[in-house]
């Protein structure tokens, strides 16, 4: 795995990161997304400095992450079980059909 050093700008600060080559676009898009959300928040809320905007963006993304994790843990197992049951029924039907 090859690595490279990139620089991303968030809240008027540059951050140098060493990342895998294949993640370059992902990190740059993430930095752009953070900047966009900060701009959105700056138009909607009063703030003292960019730290406040960063905190709001971090809270938004952390909340979304936790919601996704909760949904996966809550529904992931039951969905898998349901799929396995459906596949078992299909397998049984196909086996019976092919057996004649």
N, C-alpha and C. Protein backbone atom coordinates (compact mmCIF):
# COMPACT_ATOMS: atom_id res chain seq x y z
N UNK A 1 0.85 -1.17 0.00
CA UNK A 1 0.00 0.00 0.00
C UNK A 1 0.90 1.24 0.00
N UNK A 2 0.71 2.08 -0.99
CA UNK A 2 1.51 3.28 -1.13
C UNK A 2 0.85 4.45 -0.41
N UNK A 3 1.67 5.28 0.21
CA UNK A 3 1.15 6.41 0.96
C UNK A 3 1.59 7.72 0.32
N UNK A 4 0.84 8.78 0.59
CA UNK A 4 1.23 10.10 0.15
C UNK A 4 0.81 11.11 1.20
N UNK A 5 1.44 12.27 1.14
CA UNK A 5 1.11 13.35 2.05
C UNK A 5 0.24 14.35 1.31
N UNK A 6 -0.91 14.67 1.90
CA UNK A 6 -1.80 15.66 1.31
C UNK A 6 -2.04 16.76 2.34
N UNK A 7 -2.56 17.85 1.86
CA UNK A 7 -2.93 18.95 2.73
C UNK A 7 -4.40 19.25 2.48
N UNK A 8 -5.19 19.29 3.54
CA UNK A 8 -6.60 19.68 3.42
C UNK A 8 -6.82 20.92 4.26
N UNK A 9 -7.74 21.75 3.83
CA UNK A 9 -8.01 22.99 4.55
C UNK A 9 -9.41 22.91 5.16
N UNK A 10 -9.44 23.11 6.47
CA UNK A 10 -10.70 23.10 7.21
C UNK A 10 -10.68 24.30 8.15
N UNK A 11 -11.71 25.12 8.09
CA UNK A 11 -11.84 26.29 8.96
C UNK A 11 -10.61 27.19 8.88
N UNK A 12 -10.18 27.45 7.66
CA UNK A 12 -9.04 28.34 7.39
C UNK A 12 -7.71 27.84 7.93
N UNK A 13 -7.63 26.56 8.24
CA UNK A 13 -6.37 25.96 8.68
C UNK A 13 -6.02 24.80 7.77
N UNK A 14 -4.75 24.67 7.47
CA UNK A 14 -4.29 23.55 6.65
C UNK A 14 -3.82 22.42 7.55
N UNK A 15 -4.16 21.22 7.15
CA UNK A 15 -3.77 20.03 7.89
C UNK A 15 -3.07 19.08 6.93
N UNK A 16 -1.86 18.69 7.28
CA UNK A 16 -1.12 17.72 6.47
C UNK A 16 -1.41 16.33 7.01
N UNK A 17 -1.73 15.44 6.09
CA UNK A 17 -2.07 14.07 6.46
C UNK A 17 -1.27 13.10 5.61
N UNK A 18 -0.87 11.99 6.19
CA UNK A 18 -0.26 10.90 5.44
C UNK A 18 -1.32 9.82 5.32
N UNK A 19 -1.70 9.54 4.09
CA UNK A 19 -2.81 8.61 3.83
C UNK A 19 -2.43 7.64 2.72
N UNK A 20 -3.22 6.59 2.59
CA UNK A 20 -3.04 5.66 1.48
C UNK A 20 -3.45 6.37 0.19
N UNK A 21 -2.74 6.10 -0.89
CA UNK A 21 -3.03 6.73 -2.18
C UNK A 21 -4.50 6.66 -2.56
N UNK A 22 -5.09 5.51 -2.34
CA UNK A 22 -6.47 5.30 -2.78
C UNK A 22 -7.48 6.10 -1.97
N UNK A 23 -7.06 6.70 -0.86
CA UNK A 23 -7.98 7.48 -0.03
C UNK A 23 -7.91 8.99 -0.27
N UNK A 24 -7.06 9.41 -1.19
CA UNK A 24 -6.87 10.85 -1.42
C UNK A 24 -8.19 11.56 -1.75
N UNK A 25 -8.92 11.05 -2.70
CA UNK A 25 -10.17 11.69 -3.11
C UNK A 25 -11.16 11.71 -1.95
N UNK A 26 -11.23 10.63 -1.21
CA UNK A 26 -12.14 10.53 -0.07
C UNK A 26 -11.86 11.62 0.98
N UNK A 27 -10.58 11.80 1.32
CA UNK A 27 -10.23 12.82 2.32
C UNK A 27 -10.51 14.23 1.81
N UNK A 28 -10.22 14.47 0.56
CA UNK A 28 -10.47 15.80 0.00
C UNK A 28 -11.97 16.09 -0.07
N UNK A 29 -12.75 15.10 -0.45
CA UNK A 29 -14.20 15.29 -0.47
C UNK A 29 -14.75 15.51 0.93
N UNK A 30 -14.21 14.80 1.91
CA UNK A 30 -14.65 14.97 3.29
C UNK A 30 -14.36 16.38 3.78
N UNK A 31 -13.17 16.90 3.47
CA UNK A 31 -12.83 18.27 3.88
C UNK A 31 -13.76 19.28 3.20
N UNK A 32 -14.07 19.06 1.93
CA UNK A 32 -14.98 19.96 1.22
C UNK A 32 -16.38 19.90 1.83
N UNK A 33 -16.80 18.72 2.21
CA UNK A 33 -18.12 18.55 2.81
C UNK A 33 -18.19 19.27 4.16
N UNK A 34 -17.14 19.17 4.95
CA UNK A 34 -17.10 19.87 6.24
C UNK A 34 -17.19 21.37 6.01
N UNK A 35 -16.42 21.87 5.05
CA UNK A 35 -16.46 23.30 4.75
C UNK A 35 -17.85 23.74 4.31
N UNK A 36 -18.50 22.93 3.49
CA UNK A 36 -19.85 23.26 3.02
C UNK A 36 -20.84 23.31 4.18
N UNK A 37 -20.77 22.31 5.06
CA UNK A 37 -21.69 22.28 6.21
C UNK A 37 -21.42 23.46 7.15
N UNK A 38 -20.16 23.83 7.31
CA UNK A 38 -19.83 25.00 8.13
C UNK A 38 -20.46 26.26 7.52
N UNK A 39 -20.38 26.38 6.22
CA UNK A 39 -20.97 27.54 5.54
C UNK A 39 -22.49 27.54 5.72
N UNK A 40 -23.10 26.36 5.61
CA UNK A 40 -24.56 26.25 5.82
C UNK A 40 -24.93 26.69 7.23
N UNK A 41 -24.19 26.20 8.21
CA UNK A 41 -24.47 26.57 9.60
C UNK A 41 -24.24 28.06 9.85
N UNK A 42 -23.23 28.64 9.20
CA UNK A 42 -22.95 30.06 9.43
C UNK A 42 -24.09 30.94 8.95
N UNK A 43 -24.85 30.48 7.96
CA UNK A 43 -25.99 31.24 7.47
C UNK A 43 -27.23 31.05 8.31
N UNK A 44 -27.24 30.02 9.15
CA UNK A 44 -28.45 29.70 9.92
C UNK A 44 -28.33 30.01 11.41
N UNK A 45 -27.12 30.07 11.94
CA UNK A 45 -26.94 30.23 13.38
C UNK A 45 -25.96 31.35 13.69
N UNK A 46 -26.16 31.97 14.83
CA UNK A 46 -25.19 32.95 15.32
C UNK A 46 -24.00 32.18 15.89
N UNK A 47 -22.81 32.68 15.64
CA UNK A 47 -21.62 32.01 16.15
C UNK A 47 -20.54 33.04 16.45
N UNK A 48 -19.66 32.69 17.37
CA UNK A 48 -18.58 33.60 17.75
C UNK A 48 -17.35 33.40 16.86
N UNK A 49 -17.04 32.14 16.60
CA UNK A 49 -15.89 31.84 15.73
C UNK A 49 -16.10 30.51 15.02
N UNK A 50 -15.15 30.14 14.20
CA UNK A 50 -15.29 28.92 13.41
C UNK A 50 -15.30 27.66 14.26
N UNK A 51 -14.78 27.76 15.46
CA UNK A 51 -14.81 26.62 16.39
C UNK A 51 -16.25 26.21 16.66
N UNK A 52 -17.15 27.20 16.81
CA UNK A 52 -18.56 26.90 17.03
C UNK A 52 -19.15 26.14 15.84
N UNK A 53 -18.79 26.58 14.64
CA UNK A 53 -19.29 25.91 13.43
C UNK A 53 -18.74 24.49 13.33
N UNK A 54 -17.46 24.32 13.63
CA UNK A 54 -16.87 22.99 13.62
C UNK A 54 -17.56 22.06 14.62
N UNK A 55 -17.87 22.61 15.78
CA UNK A 55 -18.56 21.81 16.80
C UNK A 55 -19.93 21.36 16.30
N UNK A 56 -20.65 22.24 15.62
CA UNK A 56 -21.97 21.88 15.10
C UNK A 56 -21.86 20.80 14.02
N UNK A 57 -20.88 20.94 13.15
CA UNK A 57 -20.68 19.94 12.10
C UNK A 57 -20.29 18.60 12.72
N UNK A 58 -19.37 18.63 13.69
CA UNK A 58 -18.96 17.40 14.36
C UNK A 58 -20.14 16.73 15.05
N UNK A 59 -20.97 17.53 15.71
CA UNK A 59 -22.15 16.98 16.37
C UNK A 59 -23.11 16.35 15.37
N UNK A 60 -23.32 17.03 14.25
CA UNK A 60 -24.20 16.49 13.21
C UNK A 60 -23.70 15.15 12.70
N UNK A 61 -22.41 15.08 12.36
CA UNK A 61 -21.87 13.83 11.81
C UNK A 61 -21.78 12.72 12.85
N UNK A 62 -21.47 13.06 14.08
CA UNK A 62 -21.44 12.05 15.14
C UNK A 62 -22.83 11.49 15.38
N UNK A 63 -23.83 12.35 15.37
CA UNK A 63 -25.22 11.91 15.56
C UNK A 63 -25.64 11.00 14.43
N UNK A 64 -25.33 11.39 13.19
CA UNK A 64 -25.67 10.54 12.04
C UNK A 64 -24.98 9.19 12.12
N UNK A 65 -23.72 9.20 12.52
CA UNK A 65 -22.96 7.96 12.66
C UNK A 65 -23.61 7.05 13.70
N UNK A 66 -23.94 7.62 14.84
CA UNK A 66 -24.56 6.81 15.90
C UNK A 66 -25.93 6.28 15.50
N UNK A 67 -26.70 7.08 14.77
CA UNK A 67 -27.99 6.61 14.29
C UNK A 67 -27.80 5.44 13.33
N UNK A 68 -26.83 5.55 12.44
CA UNK A 68 -26.55 4.45 11.50
C UNK A 68 -26.11 3.20 12.23
N UNK A 69 -25.23 3.36 13.21
CA UNK A 69 -24.76 2.22 14.00
C UNK A 69 -25.92 1.57 14.76
N UNK A 70 -26.78 2.39 15.32
CA UNK A 70 -27.93 1.88 16.07
C UNK A 70 -28.87 1.10 15.14
N UNK A 71 -29.12 1.65 13.96
CA UNK A 71 -30.00 0.96 13.02
C UNK A 71 -29.40 -0.36 12.57
N UNK A 72 -28.09 -0.37 12.34
CA UNK A 72 -27.44 -1.61 11.92
C UNK A 72 -27.52 -2.67 13.01
N UNK A 73 -27.24 -2.28 14.24
CA UNK A 73 -27.27 -3.25 15.33
C UNK A 73 -28.69 -3.69 15.63
N UNK A 74 -29.64 -2.78 15.47
CA UNK A 74 -31.03 -3.10 15.78
C UNK A 74 -31.67 -3.95 14.69
N UNK A 75 -31.38 -3.62 13.45
CA UNK A 75 -32.06 -4.28 12.34
C UNK A 75 -31.18 -5.25 11.56
N UNK A 76 -29.89 -5.12 11.69
CA UNK A 76 -28.98 -5.94 10.91
C UNK A 76 -29.17 -7.42 11.13
N UNK A 77 -29.23 -7.85 12.36
CA UNK A 77 -29.35 -9.27 12.67
C UNK A 77 -30.69 -9.82 12.21
N UNK A 78 -31.77 -9.10 12.47
CA UNK A 78 -33.09 -9.61 12.10
C UNK A 78 -33.26 -9.67 10.59
N UNK A 79 -32.65 -8.71 9.86
CA UNK A 79 -32.73 -8.75 8.41
C UNK A 79 -31.96 -9.94 7.88
N UNK A 80 -30.78 -10.22 8.42
CA UNK A 80 -30.00 -11.36 7.98
C UNK A 80 -30.75 -12.66 8.24
N UNK A 81 -31.35 -12.77 9.43
CA UNK A 81 -32.09 -13.98 9.75
C UNK A 81 -33.25 -14.16 8.78
N UNK A 82 -33.94 -13.13 8.46
CA UNK A 82 -35.06 -13.22 7.53
C UNK A 82 -34.60 -13.62 6.14
N UNK A 83 -33.47 -13.13 5.71
CA UNK A 83 -32.95 -13.48 4.40
C UNK A 83 -32.51 -14.93 4.36
N UNK A 84 -31.89 -15.39 5.41
CA UNK A 84 -31.48 -16.79 5.45
C UNK A 84 -32.69 -17.71 5.38
N UNK A 85 -33.74 -17.34 6.08
CA UNK A 85 -34.96 -18.15 6.07
C UNK A 85 -35.57 -18.19 4.67
N UNK A 86 -35.62 -17.05 4.00
CA UNK A 86 -36.16 -16.99 2.64
C UNK A 86 -35.31 -17.82 1.69
N UNK A 87 -34.00 -17.71 1.82
CA UNK A 87 -33.11 -18.49 0.96
C UNK A 87 -33.28 -19.98 1.21
N UNK A 88 -33.47 -20.38 2.45
CA UNK A 88 -33.68 -21.80 2.77
C UNK A 88 -34.97 -22.31 2.12
N UNK A 89 -36.03 -21.51 2.14
CA UNK A 89 -37.30 -21.89 1.50
C UNK A 89 -37.13 -22.03 -0.01
N UNK A 90 -36.41 -21.08 -0.61
CA UNK A 90 -36.17 -21.15 -2.05
C UNK A 90 -35.36 -22.38 -2.40
N UNK A 91 -34.34 -22.65 -1.60
CA UNK A 91 -33.51 -23.83 -1.82
C UNK A 91 -34.34 -25.10 -1.73
N UNK A 92 -35.22 -25.16 -0.75
CA UNK A 92 -36.07 -26.33 -0.58
C UNK A 92 -37.00 -26.50 -1.78
N UNK A 93 -37.61 -25.42 -2.23
CA UNK A 93 -38.51 -25.47 -3.38
C UNK A 93 -37.78 -25.92 -4.63
N UNK A 94 -36.58 -25.37 -4.87
CA UNK A 94 -35.81 -25.76 -6.03
C UNK A 94 -35.38 -27.23 -5.97
N UNK A 95 -34.97 -27.67 -4.79
CA UNK A 95 -34.57 -29.07 -4.63
C UNK A 95 -35.74 -30.00 -4.91
N UNK A 96 -36.91 -29.68 -4.39
CA UNK A 96 -38.11 -30.50 -4.63
C UNK A 96 -38.49 -30.49 -6.11
N UNK A 97 -38.38 -29.32 -6.74
CA UNK A 97 -38.74 -29.22 -8.17
C UNK A 97 -37.79 -30.04 -9.03
N UNK A 98 -36.50 -29.95 -8.74
CA UNK A 98 -35.51 -30.66 -9.53
C UNK A 98 -35.56 -32.17 -9.28
N UNK A 99 -35.99 -32.56 -8.09
CA UNK A 99 -36.09 -33.98 -7.77
C UNK A 99 -37.27 -34.63 -8.51
N UNK A 100 -38.20 -33.81 -8.96
CA UNK A 100 -39.27 -34.30 -9.79
C UNK A 100 -40.50 -34.55 -9.05
